[in-house]
Amino acid sequence: MSLPALQGLRERFPTSRIAVLARPGIAGLYMRESFCDEAITYDAPRGWRGWNQKWRIASDLRGRKFDCAILLQNAFESAALMRIANIPVRIGYSRDARGWLLTSPIPVPARGETPPHQRFYYLELLKRARLIDCYSVESPVRFSYVAAARAAGREKFAAAHIATRIIGISPGAAYGGAKRWLPERFAETAVHVAQERNASVAVFGTAAELKICETVERRVLAAGVTCANFAGSVNISEFVDLAAACELFLTNDSGAMHVASALGVPTVAVFGATDDFATGPVGAASRVVREPVECSPCLLRECPIDHRCMTEVSATRVSEVALSLLK
């Protein structure tokens, strides 16, 4: 969701060197973008732990002589790091008690001052800092290397002996169980769509989500549909390539959802605990399925009652939405 802001920054500063400081798990997303000259990995522990590592990273940044740091995230930690790095211009939202660490503390937009989606929160920061003049409410979230990723993904699938149409599934969600639709229903939906489209199924997830992905894999295979499970076996760059080569992507509200949507892959996302107006997929090729129960969106990590926002979403309904999206 930071892509529109970073792409806008490159348009404003076409000859500047732009480096992105990112966690190792997502640094690969930025490395291939035209706005990024360098991706610097940040692997220090979160919060107040690991200050020796953070000090070393700050020292490294200090030695690079950056002119400006733009803090898209809200954390106090990121502002402290840039201050220790002695970067002369430090721009970010004035929140989380960090305004005094910034040279340009930007007031946080009040509710209703920007469109609700998260991408506009980042774009508004640049606008209020006068780094961009304006932005469009239609600002897309798109990777710039979709064609190359799709070609690489097709090669990877072919090497794994999966050469038909492919339905991608990401049944996990790092935020917590409240965001996860039932893996059995993911499998049921995948089987229905795959049989209608004469397609194979590819399952994706982290190593921590392996058990969920194996549940989906077993059920898909039991229905006689070809299925490959890539959970825990591919890095972020490889996942991007494979997702780009999918005909359709079925997912929860997750990082995989944002990747598939930013690749322009037809994406169906099941939402429950979270707010699709704020963090949903963007674009005409994306659909959100949710059940409007009275307690949703609650934004909780785990459901304290009966998880009705997810259990009331049927596989038949998601299948219908997916197939209509592919027409």
C-alpha atoms as a PDB file:
ATOM      1  CA  MET A   1       0.000   0.000   0.000  1.00  0.00           C
ATOM      2  CA  SER A   2       3.047   2.270   0.100  1.00  0.00           C
ATOM      3  CA  LEU A   3       3.649   1.819  -3.632  1.00  0.00           C
ATOM      4  CA  PRO A   4       1.665   4.878  -4.852  1.00  0.00           C
ATOM      5  CA  ALA A   5       3.532   7.153  -2.425  1.00  0.00           C
ATOM      6  CA  LEU A   6       6.937   5.785  -3.389  1.00  0.00           C
ATOM      7  CA  GLN A   7       6.120   5.961  -7.085  1.00  0.00           C
ATOM      8  CA  GLY A   8       4.991   9.563  -6.573  1.00  0.00           C
ATOM      9  CA  LEU A   9       8.227  10.329  -4.774  1.00  0.00           C
ATOM     10  CA  ARG A  10      10.238   9.049  -7.737  1.00  0.00           C
ATOM     11  CA  GLU A  11       8.208  11.221 -10.119  1.00  0.00           C
ATOM     12  CA  ARG A  12       8.957  14.256  -7.945  1.00  0.00           C
ATOM     13  CA  PHE A  13      12.678  13.421  -7.609  1.00  0.00           C
ATOM     14  CA  PRO A  14      13.619  11.599 -10.846  1.00  0.00           C
ATOM     15  CA  THR A  15      17.392  11.878 -10.370  1.00  0.00           C
ATOM     16  CA  SER A  16      17.650  11.353  -6.618  1.00  0.00           C
ATOM     17  CA  ARG A  17      18.938   8.148  -5.086  1.00  0.00           C
ATOM     18  CA  ILE A  18      16.109   6.482  -3.168  1.00  0.00           C
ATOM     19  CA  ALA A  19      16.817   3.690  -0.709  1.00  0.00           C
ATOM     20  CA  VAL A  20      14.082   1.752   1.097  1.00  0.00           C
ATOM     21  CA  LEU A  21      14.726   0.441   4.609  1.00  0.00           C
ATOM     22  CA  ALA A  22      12.574  -2.672   5.017  1.00  0.00           C
ATOM     23  CA  ARG A  23      12.243  -5.921   6.903  1.00  0.00           C
ATOM     24  CA  PRO A  24      13.955  -8.878   5.166  1.00  0.00           C
ATOM     25  CA  GLY A  25      10.631 -10.554   4.450  1.00  0.00           C
ATOM     26  CA  ILE A  26       9.421  -7.727   2.234  1.00  0.00           C
ATOM     27  CA  ALA A  27      12.619  -6.057   1.017  1.00  0.00           C
ATOM     28  CA  GLY A  28      12.378  -8.168  -2.146  1.00  0.00           C
ATOM     29  CA  LEU A  29       9.147  -6.398  -3.085  1.00  0.00           C
ATOM     30  CA  TYR A  30      10.972  -3.088  -3.347  1.00  0.00           C
ATOM     31  CA  MET A  31      14.209  -4.250  -4.961  1.00  0.00           C
ATOM     32  CA  ARG A  32      12.568  -4.748  -8.340  1.00  0.00           C
ATOM     33  CA  GLU A  33      10.717  -1.440  -8.425  1.00  0.00           C
ATOM     34  CA  SER A  34      11.960   1.413 -10.603  1.00  0.00           C
ATOM     35  CA  PHE A  35      11.624   3.897  -7.738  1.00  0.00           C
ATOM     36  CA  CYS A  36      14.074   1.921  -5.594  1.00  0.00           C
ATOM     37  CA  ASP A  37      17.825   2.281  -6.127  1.00  0.00           C
ATOM     38  CA  GLU A  38      18.610   0.170  -3.080  1.00  0.00           C
ATOM     39  CA  ALA A  39      16.741  -1.901  -0.503  1.00  0.00           C
ATOM     40  CA  ILE A  40      18.422  -1.950   2.909  1.00  0.00           C
ATOM     41  CA  THR A  41      17.292  -4.787   5.163  1.00  0.00           C
ATOM     42  CA  TYR A  42      16.330  -4.003   8.739  1.00  0.00           C
ATOM     43  CA  ASP A  43      16.389  -7.154  10.852  1.00  0.00           C
ATOM     44  CA  ALA A  44      16.622  -5.790  14.405  1.00  0.00           C
ATOM     45  CA  PRO A  45      14.003  -7.015  16.915  1.00  0.00           C
ATOM     46  CA  ARG A  46      10.854  -4.948  17.237  1.00  0.00           C
ATOM     47  CA  GLY A  47      10.184  -2.657  20.171  1.00  0.00           C
ATOM     48  CA  TRP A  48      12.721  -1.905  22.874  1.00  0.00           C
ATOM     49  CA  ARG A  49      14.847  -5.020  22.334  1.00  0.00           C
ATOM     50  CA  GLY A  50      18.010  -5.302  20.259  1.00  0.00           C
ATOM     51  CA  TRP A  51      19.306  -1.765  20.584  1.00  0.00           C
ATOM     52  CA  ASN A  52      22.851  -2.904  19.826  1.00  0.00           C
ATOM     53  CA  GLN A  53      21.662  -4.056  16.407  1.00  0.00           C
ATOM     54  CA  LYS A  54      19.658  -0.880  15.932  1.00  0.00           C
ATOM     55  CA  TRP A  55      22.656   1.228  16.833  1.00  0.00           C
ATOM     56  CA  ARG A  56      24.737  -0.596  14.210  1.00  0.00           C
ATOM     57  CA  ILE A  57      22.063  -0.016  11.569  1.00  0.00           C
ATOM     58  CA  ALA A  58      21.867   3.666  12.499  1.00  0.00           C
ATOM     59  CA  SER A  59      25.659   3.932  12.233  1.00  0.00           C
ATOM     60  CA  ASP A  60      25.520   2.367   8.782  1.00  0.00           C
ATOM     61  CA  LEU A  61      22.842   4.846   7.709  1.00  0.00           C
ATOM     62  CA  ARG A  62      24.880   7.723   9.132  1.00  0.00           C
ATOM     63  CA  GLY A  63      27.814   6.690   6.991  1.00  0.00           C
ATOM     64  CA  ARG A  64      25.687   6.767   3.840  1.00  0.00           C
ATOM     65  CA  LYS A  65      25.074  10.533   4.245  1.00  0.00           C
ATOM     66  CA  PHE A  66      21.380  10.574   3.405  1.00  0.00           C
ATOM     67  CA  ASP A  67      19.866  14.041   2.971  1.00  0.00           C
ATOM     68  CA  CYS A  68      16.332  13.105   4.014  1.00  0.00           C
ATOM     69  CA  ALA A  69      14.385  10.317   5.701  1.00  0.00           C
ATOM     70  CA  ILE A  70      10.667   9.887   5.015  1.00  0.00           C
ATOM     71  CA  LEU A  71       8.959   7.728   7.639  1.00  0.00           C
ATOM     72  CA  LEU A  72       5.869   6.051   6.237  1.00  0.00           C
ATOM     73  CA  GLN A  73       5.301   3.903   9.306  1.00  0.00           C
ATOM     74  CA  ASN A  74       4.167   5.385  12.610  1.00  0.00           C
ATOM     75  CA  ALA A  75       6.603   3.748  15.024  1.00  0.00           C
ATOM     76  CA  PHE A  76       8.618   5.701  17.570  1.00  0.00           C
ATOM     77  CA  GLU A  77      11.461   3.281  16.846  1.00  0.00           C
ATOM     78  CA  SER A  78      11.816   4.370  13.211  1.00  0.00           C
ATOM     79  CA  ALA A  79      12.022   8.056  14.167  1.00  0.00           C
ATOM     80  CA  ALA A  80      14.609   7.315  16.866  1.00  0.00           C
ATOM     81  CA  LEU A  81      16.681   5.342  14.378  1.00  0.00           C
ATOM     82  CA  MET A  82      16.723   8.208  11.870  1.00  0.00           C
ATOM     83  CA  ARG A  83      17.653  10.690  14.618  1.00  0.00           C
ATOM     84  CA  ILE A  84      20.556   8.516  15.773  1.00  0.00           C
ATOM     85  CA  ALA A  85      21.605   8.213  12.137  1.00  0.00           C
ATOM     86  CA  ASN A  86      21.813  12.025  12.122  1.00  0.00           C
ATOM     87  CA  ILE A  87      19.856  12.388   8.878  1.00  0.00           C
ATOM     88  CA  PRO A  88      19.320  16.161   8.649  1.00  0.00           C
ATOM     89  CA  VAL A  89      15.716  16.154   7.339  1.00  0.00           C
ATOM     90  CA  ARG A  90      13.304  13.717   8.988  1.00  0.00           C
ATOM     91  CA  ILE A  91       9.688  13.759   7.793  1.00  0.00           C
ATOM     92  CA  GLY A  92       6.865  11.744   9.316  1.00  0.00           C
ATOM     93  CA  TYR A  93       3.515  11.938  11.034  1.00  0.00           C
ATOM     94  CA  SER A  94       3.652  13.486  14.500  1.00  0.00           C
ATOM     95  CA  ARG A  95       2.260  10.627  16.554  1.00  0.00           C
ATOM     96  CA  ASP A  96       3.343   7.902  18.981  1.00  0.00           C
ATOM     97  CA  ALA A  97       5.245  10.545  21.023  1.00  0.00           C
ATOM     98  CA  ARG A  98       7.878  10.944  18.320  1.00  0.00           C
ATOM     99  CA  GLY A  99       7.256  14.487  17.032  1.00  0.00           C
ATOM    100  CA  TRP A 100      10.347  15.862  18.796  1.00  0.00           C
ATOM    101  CA  LEU A 101      12.540  13.412  16.862  1.00  0.00           C
ATOM    102  CA  LEU A 102      11.375  14.772  13.503  1.00  0.00           C
ATOM    103  CA  THR A 103      12.511  17.951  11.780  1.00  0.00           C
ATOM    104  CA  SER A 104       9.186  18.060   9.905  1.00  0.00           C
ATOM    105  CA  PRO A 105       6.474  16.598  12.149  1.00  0.00           C
ATOM    106  CA  ILE A 106       3.343  16.353  10.007  1.00  0.00           C
ATOM    107  CA  PRO A 107      -0.127  16.577  11.629  1.00  0.00           C
ATOM    108  CA  VAL A 108      -2.057  13.321  11.367  1.00  0.00           C
ATOM    109  CA  PRO A 109      -5.133  13.593   9.099  1.00  0.00           C
ATOM    110  CA  ALA A 110      -8.407  13.753  10.982  1.00  0.00           C
ATOM    111  CA  ARG A 111     -11.114  11.243  10.156  1.00  0.00           C
ATOM    112  CA  GLY A 112     -12.718  12.174   6.829  1.00  0.00           C
ATOM    113  CA  GLU A 113      -9.853  14.386   5.626  1.00  0.00           C
ATOM    114  CA  THR A 114      -8.535  11.677   3.318  1.00  0.00           C
ATOM    115  CA  PRO A 115     -10.168   8.728   1.561  1.00  0.00           C
ATOM    116  CA  PRO A 116     -10.356   5.745   3.936  1.00  0.00           C
ATOM    117  CA  HIS A 117      -7.904   3.417   2.200  1.00  0.00           C
ATOM    118  CA  GLN A 118      -4.451   3.120   3.775  1.00  0.00           C
ATOM    119  CA  ARG A 119      -2.606   4.110   0.597  1.00  0.00           C
ATOM    120  CA  PHE A 120      -3.977   7.642   0.939  1.00  0.00           C
ATOM    121  CA  TYR A 121      -2.533   7.939   4.441  1.00  0.00           C
ATOM    122  CA  TYR A 122       0.940   7.639   2.913  1.00  0.00           C
ATOM    123  CA  LEU A 123       0.148   9.896  -0.055  1.00  0.00           C
ATOM    124  CA  GLU A 124      -1.242  12.551   2.293  1.00  0.00           C
ATOM    125  CA  LEU A 125       2.023  12.555   4.237  1.00  0.00           C
ATOM    126  CA  LEU A 126       3.916  13.479   1.076  1.00  0.00           C
ATOM    127  CA  LYS A 127       1.329  16.102   0.164  1.00  0.00           C
ATOM    128  CA  ARG A 128       1.384  17.757   3.598  1.00  0.00           C
ATOM    129  CA  ALA A 129       5.178  17.724   3.520  1.00  0.00           C
ATOM    130  CA  ARG A 130       4.981  19.442   0.097  1.00  0.00           C
ATOM    131  CA  LEU A 131       6.886  16.624  -1.559  1.00  0.00           C
ATOM    132  CA  ILE A 132       4.047  16.106  -4.035  1.00  0.00           C
ATOM    133  CA  ASP A 133       1.426  18.632  -5.136  1.00  0.00           C
ATOM    134  CA  CYS A 134      -1.575  16.323  -5.199  1.00  0.00           C
ATOM    135  CA  TYR A 135      -2.731  12.772  -5.753  1.00  0.00           C
ATOM    136  CA  SER A 136      -5.654  11.098  -7.445  1.00  0.00           C
ATOM    137  CA  VAL A 137      -8.315   9.210  -5.534  1.00  0.00           C
ATOM    138  CA  GLU A 138      -7.925   6.636  -8.304  1.00  0.00           C
ATOM    139  CA  SER A 139      -4.242   6.123  -7.452  1.00  0.00           C
ATOM    140  CA  PRO A 140      -3.654   2.447  -8.263  1.00  0.00           C
ATOM    141  CA  VAL A 141      -1.578  -0.003  -6.265  1.00  0.00           C
ATOM    142  CA  ARG A 142       0.455  -1.717  -8.957  1.00  0.00           C
ATOM    143  CA  PHE A 143       3.900  -3.225  -9.296  1.00  0.00           C
ATOM    144  CA  SER A 144       5.851  -1.958 -12.296  1.00  0.00           C
ATOM    145  CA  TYR A 145       7.273  -5.342 -13.295  1.00  0.00           C
ATOM    146  CA  VAL A 146       4.106  -7.422 -13.755  1.00  0.00           C
ATOM    147  CA  ALA A 147       4.910  -8.800 -17.229  1.00  0.00           C
ATOM    148  CA  ALA A 148       8.393  -9.953 -16.209  1.00  0.00           C
ATOM    149  CA  ALA A 149       7.049 -11.522 -13.012  1.00  0.00           C
ATOM    150  CA  ARG A 150       4.315 -13.376 -14.892  1.00  0.00           C
ATOM    151  CA  ALA A 151       6.806 -14.810 -17.380  1.00  0.00           C
ATOM    152  CA  ALA A 152       9.133 -15.917 -14.584  1.00  0.00           C
ATOM    153  CA  GLY A 153       6.226 -17.458 -12.698  1.00  0.00           C
ATOM    154  CA  ARG A 154       5.125 -19.498 -15.690  1.00  0.00           C
ATOM    155  CA  GLU A 155       8.640 -20.870 -15.988  1.00  0.00           C
ATOM    156  CA  LYS A 156       8.649 -21.803 -12.293  1.00  0.00           C
ATOM    157  CA  PHE A 157       5.287 -23.562 -12.574  1.00  0.00           C
ATOM    158  CA  ALA A 158       6.432 -25.422 -15.674  1.00  0.00           C
ATOM    159  CA  ALA A 159       9.550 -26.573 -13.816  1.00  0.00           C
ATOM    160  CA  ALA A 160       7.233 -27.931 -11.103  1.00  0.00           C
ATOM    161  CA  HIS A 161       5.237 -29.726 -13.826  1.00  0.00           C
ATOM    162  CA  ILE A 162       2.206 -27.475 -13.411  1.00  0.00           C
ATOM    163  CA  ALA A 163       1.430 -26.161 -16.860  1.00  0.00           C
ATOM    164  CA  THR A 164      -2.357 -25.657 -16.891  1.00  0.00           C
ATOM    165  CA  ARG A 165      -4.373 -22.709 -15.664  1.00  0.00           C
ATOM    166  CA  ILE A 166      -3.604 -22.130 -11.998  1.00  0.00           C
ATOM    167  CA  ILE A 167      -5.819 -21.075  -9.093  1.00  0.00           C
ATOM    168  CA  GLY A 168      -3.677 -19.606  -6.305  1.00  0.00           C
ATOM    169  CA  ILE A 169      -4.745 -19.880  -2.674  1.00  0.00           C
ATOM    170  CA  SER A 170      -3.334 -18.227   0.431  1.00  0.00           C
ATOM    171  CA  PRO A 171      -5.394 -19.535   3.384  1.00  0.00           C
ATOM    172  CA  GLY A 172      -3.289 -17.999   6.161  1.00  0.00           C
ATOM    173  CA  ALA A 173      -3.079 -14.524   7.687  1.00  0.00           C
ATOM    174  CA  ALA A 174      -0.224 -13.406   9.921  1.00  0.00           C
ATOM    175  CA  TYR A 175      -2.330 -10.964  11.961  1.00  0.00           C
ATOM    176  CA  GLY A 176      -4.307 -13.730  13.671  1.00  0.00           C
ATOM    177  CA  GLY A 177      -6.975 -16.396  13.444  1.00  0.00           C
ATOM    178  CA  ALA A 178      -9.845 -13.897  13.297  1.00  0.00           C
ATOM    179  CA  LYS A 179      -8.826 -13.013   9.732  1.00  0.00           C
ATOM    180  CA  ARG A 180      -8.766 -16.618   8.501  1.00  0.00           C
ATOM    181  CA  TRP A 181     -11.610 -18.175   6.559  1.00  0.00           C
ATOM    182  CA  LEU A 182     -11.967 -21.915   7.090  1.00  0.00           C
ATOM    183  CA  PRO A 183      -9.279 -23.877   5.169  1.00  0.00           C
ATOM    184  CA  GLU A 184     -11.882 -26.530   4.292  1.00  0.00           C
ATOM    185  CA  ARG A 185     -13.913 -23.878   2.487  1.00  0.00           C
ATOM    186  CA  PHE A 186     -10.870 -22.593   0.658  1.00  0.00           C
ATOM    187  CA  ALA A 187     -10.360 -26.145  -0.582  1.00  0.00           C
ATOM    188  CA  GLU A 188     -14.017 -26.541  -1.560  1.00  0.00           C
ATOM    189  CA  THR A 189     -13.955 -23.258  -3.464  1.00  0.00           C
ATOM    190  CA  ALA A 190     -10.680 -24.111  -5.178  1.00  0.00           C
ATOM    191  CA  VAL A 191     -11.983 -27.498  -6.300  1.00  0.00           C
ATOM    192  CA  HIS A 192     -15.183 -25.992  -7.710  1.00  0.00           C
ATOM    193  CA  VAL A 193     -13.390 -23.212  -9.587  1.00  0.00           C
ATOM    194  CA  ALA A 194     -10.595 -25.481 -10.800  1.00  0.00           C
ATOM    195  CA  GLN A 195     -13.048 -28.018 -12.176  1.00  0.00           C
ATOM    196  CA  GLU A 196     -15.025 -25.285 -13.930  1.00  0.00           C
ATOM    197  CA  ARG A 197     -11.862 -23.784 -15.421  1.00  0.00           C
ATOM    198  CA  ASN A 198      -9.929 -27.020 -16.055  1.00  0.00           C
ATOM    199  CA  ALA A 199      -7.231 -25.629 -13.779  1.00  0.00           C
ATOM    200  CA  SER A 200      -4.694 -26.748 -11.200  1.00  0.00           C
ATOM    201  CA  VAL A 201      -4.327 -25.326  -7.691  1.00  0.00           C
ATOM    202  CA  ALA A 202      -1.257 -23.804  -6.023  1.00  0.00           C
ATOM    203  CA  VAL A 203      -1.268 -23.201  -2.247  1.00  0.00           C
ATOM    204  CA  PHE A 204       0.944 -20.532  -0.660  1.00  0.00           C
ATOM    205  CA  GLY A 205       1.862 -19.605   2.888  1.00  0.00           C
ATOM    206  CA  THR A 206       4.668 -19.142   5.352  1.00  0.00           C
ATOM    207  CA  ALA A 207       6.361 -22.001   7.178  1.00  0.00           C
ATOM    208  CA  ALA A 208       4.177 -21.168  10.193  1.00  0.00           C
ATOM    209  CA  GLU A 209       1.077 -21.694   8.023  1.00  0.00           C
ATOM    210  CA  LEU A 210       2.193 -25.077   6.698  1.00  0.00           C
ATOM    211  CA  LYS A 211      -0.451 -27.069   8.592  1.00  0.00           C
ATOM    212  CA  ILE A 212      -3.285 -24.895   7.236  1.00  0.00           C
ATOM    213  CA  CYS A 213      -1.887 -25.179   3.716  1.00  0.00           C
ATOM    214  CA  GLU A 214      -1.539 -28.958   4.030  1.00  0.00           C
ATOM    215  CA  THR A 215      -5.211 -29.185   5.012  1.00  0.00           C
ATOM    216  CA  VAL A 216      -6.171 -27.369   1.817  1.00  0.00           C
ATOM    217  CA  GLU A 217      -3.773 -29.461  -0.265  1.00  0.00           C
ATOM    218  CA  ARG A 218      -5.096 -32.789   1.030  1.00  0.00           C
ATOM    219  CA  ARG A 219      -8.711 -31.885   0.343  1.00  0.00           C
ATOM    220  CA  VAL A 220      -7.991 -30.581  -3.153  1.00  0.00           C
ATOM    221  CA  LEU A 221      -6.012 -33.690  -4.058  1.00  0.00           C
ATOM    222  CA  ALA A 222      -8.745 -35.918  -2.612  1.00  0.00           C
ATOM    223  CA  ALA A 223     -11.183 -34.309  -5.052  1.00  0.00           C
ATOM    224  CA  GLY A 224      -8.949 -35.312  -7.966  1.00  0.00           C
ATOM    225  CA  VAL A 225      -7.604 -31.832  -8.736  1.00  0.00           C
ATOM    226  CA  THR A 226      -3.877 -31.291  -9.287  1.00  0.00           C
ATOM    227  CA  CYS A 227      -2.429 -29.288  -6.361  1.00  0.00           C
ATOM    228  CA  ALA A 228       1.054 -28.057  -5.461  1.00  0.00           C
ATOM    229  CA  ASN A 229       1.869 -26.747  -1.987  1.00  0.00           C
ATOM    230  CA  PHE A 230       4.543 -24.025  -1.917  1.00  0.00           C
ATOM    231  CA  ALA A 231       4.085 -23.100   1.760  1.00  0.00           C
ATOM    232  CA  GLY A 232       7.384 -22.275   3.443  1.00  0.00           C
ATOM    233  CA  SER A 233       9.425 -23.172   0.349  1.00  0.00           C
ATOM    234  CA  VAL A 234       9.573 -19.913  -1.624  1.00  0.00           C
ATOM    235  CA  ASN A 235      10.849 -16.441  -0.745  1.00  0.00           C
ATOM    236  CA  ILE A 236       8.901 -13.247  -1.335  1.00  0.00           C
ATOM    237  CA  SER A 237      10.333 -12.616  -4.815  1.00  0.00           C
ATOM    238  CA  GLU A 238       9.551 -16.168  -5.925  1.00  0.00           C
ATOM    239  CA  PHE A 239       6.046 -15.872  -4.516  1.00  0.00           C
ATOM    240  CA  VAL A 240       5.473 -12.674  -6.498  1.00  0.00           C
ATOM    241  CA  ASP A 241       6.444 -14.450  -9.716  1.00  0.00           C
ATOM    242  CA  LEU A 242       4.212 -17.450  -8.998  1.00  0.00           C
ATOM    243  CA  ALA A 243       1.260 -15.289  -7.968  1.00  0.00           C
ATOM    244  CA  ALA A 244       1.614 -13.232 -11.144  1.00  0.00           C
ATOM    245  CA  ALA A 245       1.201 -16.396 -13.225  1.00  0.00           C
ATOM    246  CA  CYS A 246      -2.067 -17.414 -11.524  1.00  0.00           C
ATOM    247  CA  GLU A 247      -5.384 -17.027 -13.316  1.00  0.00           C
ATOM    248  CA  LEU A 248      -7.145 -16.272 -10.021  1.00  0.00           C
ATOM    249  CA  PHE A 249      -6.108 -15.771  -6.405  1.00  0.00           C
ATOM    250  CA  LEU A 250      -8.245 -16.711  -3.386  1.00  0.00           C
ATOM    251  CA  THR A 251      -7.157 -15.282  -0.047  1.00  0.00           C
ATOM    252  CA  ASN A 252      -7.927 -13.765   3.325  1.00  0.00           C
ATOM    253  CA  ASP A 253      -7.027 -10.178   4.205  1.00  0.00           C
ATOM    254  CA  SER A 254      -3.274 -10.747   4.076  1.00  0.00           C
ATOM    255  CA  GLY A 255      -0.006  -9.664   2.526  1.00  0.00           C
ATOM    256  CA  ALA A 256      -0.554 -12.238  -0.221  1.00  0.00           C
ATOM    257  CA  MET A 257      -3.841 -10.515  -1.064  1.00  0.00           C
ATOM    258  CA  HIS A 258      -2.091  -7.177  -1.542  1.00  0.00           C
ATOM    259  CA  VAL A 259       0.605  -8.763  -3.717  1.00  0.00           C
ATOM    260  CA  ALA A 260      -1.889 -10.553  -5.973  1.00  0.00           C
ATOM    261  CA  SER A 261      -4.013  -7.439  -6.319  1.00  0.00           C
ATOM    262  CA  ALA A 262      -0.978  -5.245  -7.079  1.00  0.00           C
ATOM    263  CA  LEU A 263      -0.064  -7.704  -9.832  1.00  0.00           C
ATOM    264  CA  GLY A 264      -3.469  -7.219 -11.436  1.00  0.00           C
ATOM    265  CA  VAL A 265      -4.382 -10.873 -10.854  1.00  0.00           C
ATOM    266  CA  PRO A 266      -8.153 -11.383 -10.375  1.00  0.00           C
ATOM    267  CA  THR A 267      -8.350 -11.584  -6.586  1.00  0.00           C
ATOM    268  CA  VAL A 268     -11.163 -12.671  -4.278  1.00  0.00           C
ATOM    269  CA  ALA A 269     -10.589 -11.856  -0.608  1.00  0.00           C
ATOM    270  CA  VAL A 270     -12.732 -13.032   2.307  1.00  0.00           C
ATOM    271  CA  PHE A 271     -12.963 -10.324   4.987  1.00  0.00           C
ATOM    272  CA  GLY A 272     -14.370 -10.552   8.485  1.00  0.00           C
ATOM    273  CA  ALA A 273     -12.544  -8.971  11.420  1.00  0.00           C
ATOM    274  CA  THR A 274     -10.896  -6.217   9.388  1.00  0.00           C
ATOM    275  CA  ASP A 275     -12.109  -3.254   7.344  1.00  0.00           C
ATOM    276  CA  ASP A 276     -11.936  -3.704   3.568  1.00  0.00           C
ATOM    277  CA  PHE A 277     -12.547   0.010   3.021  1.00  0.00           C
ATOM    278  CA  ALA A 278      -9.245   0.734   4.787  1.00  0.00           C
ATOM    279  CA  THR A 279      -7.074  -2.220   3.830  1.00  0.00           C
ATOM    280  CA  GLY A 280      -8.867  -4.082   1.053  1.00  0.00           C
ATOM    281  CA  PRO A 281      -7.493  -4.966  -2.377  1.00  0.00           C
ATOM    282  CA  VAL A 282      -7.566  -2.211  -4.988  1.00  0.00           C
ATOM    283  CA  GLY A 283      -8.675  -2.340  -8.597  1.00  0.00           C
ATOM    284  CA  ALA A 284     -11.380  -3.590 -10.954  1.00  0.00           C
ATOM    285  CA  ALA A 285      -9.977  -7.131 -10.859  1.00  0.00           C
ATOM    286  CA  SER A 286     -10.508  -7.516  -7.096  1.00  0.00           C
ATOM    287  CA  ARG A 287     -13.579  -8.534  -5.122  1.00  0.00           C
ATOM    288  CA  VAL A 288     -14.263  -8.665  -1.384  1.00  0.00           C
ATOM    289  CA  VAL A 289     -16.652 -11.199   0.124  1.00  0.00           C
ATOM    290  CA  ARG A 290     -17.879 -10.576   3.635  1.00  0.00           C
ATOM    291  CA  GLU A 291     -20.903 -11.288   5.811  1.00  0.00           C
ATOM    292  CA  PRO A 292     -22.300  -8.095   7.409  1.00  0.00           C
ATOM    293  CA  VAL A 293     -22.617  -9.390  10.970  1.00  0.00           C
ATOM    294  CA  GLU A 294     -23.169  -6.941  13.830  1.00  0.00           C
ATOM    295  CA  CYS A 295     -19.708  -7.359  15.404  1.00  0.00           C
ATOM    296  CA  SER A 296     -17.637  -6.878  12.239  1.00  0.00           C
ATOM    297  CA  PRO A 297     -15.183  -5.304  11.700  1.00  0.00           C
ATOM    298  CA  CYS A 298     -13.881  -5.794  15.238  1.00  0.00           C
ATOM    299  CA  LEU A 299     -10.146  -5.572  14.349  1.00  0.00           C
ATOM    300  CA  LEU A 300      -9.352  -8.301  16.891  1.00  0.00           C
ATOM    301  CA  ARG A 301      -6.633 -10.898  16.333  1.00  0.00           C
ATOM    302  CA  GLU A 302      -8.736 -13.761  17.684  1.00  0.00           C
ATOM    303  CA  CYS A 303     -12.516 -14.049  17.787  1.00  0.00           C
ATOM    304  CA  PRO A 304     -13.857 -14.124  21.387  1.00  0.00           C
ATOM    305  CA  ILE A 305     -17.211 -15.649  20.343  1.00  0.00           C
ATOM    306  CA  ASP A 306     -18.202 -17.886  17.408  1.00  0.00           C
ATOM    307  CA  HIS A 307     -16.294 -16.384  14.429  1.00  0.00           C
ATOM    308  CA  ARG A 308     -19.609 -15.800  12.664  1.00  0.00           C
ATOM    309  CA  CYS A 309     -18.122 -13.254  10.248  1.00  0.00           C
ATOM    310  CA  MET A 310     -16.206 -16.125   8.633  1.00  0.00           C
ATOM    311  CA  THR A 311     -18.341 -19.201   9.293  1.00  0.00           C
ATOM    312  CA  GLU A 312     -21.344 -17.552   7.631  1.00  0.00           C
ATOM    313  CA  VAL A 313     -19.430 -17.062   4.354  1.00  0.00           C
ATOM    314  CA  SER A 314     -20.118 -20.144   2.219  1.00  0.00           C
ATOM    315  CA  ALA A 315     -17.805 -21.753  -0.311  1.00  0.00           C
ATOM    316  CA  THR A 316     -20.627 -21.589  -2.863  1.00  0.00           C
ATOM    317  CA  ARG A 317     -20.822 -17.822  -2.531  1.00  0.00           C
ATOM    318  CA  VAL A 318     -17.057 -17.323  -2.906  1.00  0.00           C
ATOM    319  CA  SER A 319     -16.996 -19.691  -5.899  1.00  0.00           C
ATOM    320  CA  GLU A 320     -19.747 -17.710  -7.607  1.00  0.00           C
ATOM    321  CA  VAL A 321     -17.890 -14.449  -7.079  1.00  0.00           C
ATOM    322  CA  ALA A 322     -14.648 -15.959  -8.358  1.00  0.00           C
ATOM    323  CA  LEU A 323     -16.196 -17.439 -11.498  1.00  0.00           C
ATOM    324  CA  SER A 324     -18.066 -14.224 -12.286  1.00  0.00           C
ATOM    325  CA  LEU A 325     -14.783 -12.316 -11.983  1.00  0.00           C
ATOM    326  CA  LEU A 326     -13.189 -14.598 -14.584  1.00  0.00           C
ATOM    327  CA  LYS A 327     -15.959 -14.188 -17.166  1.00  0.00           C
END
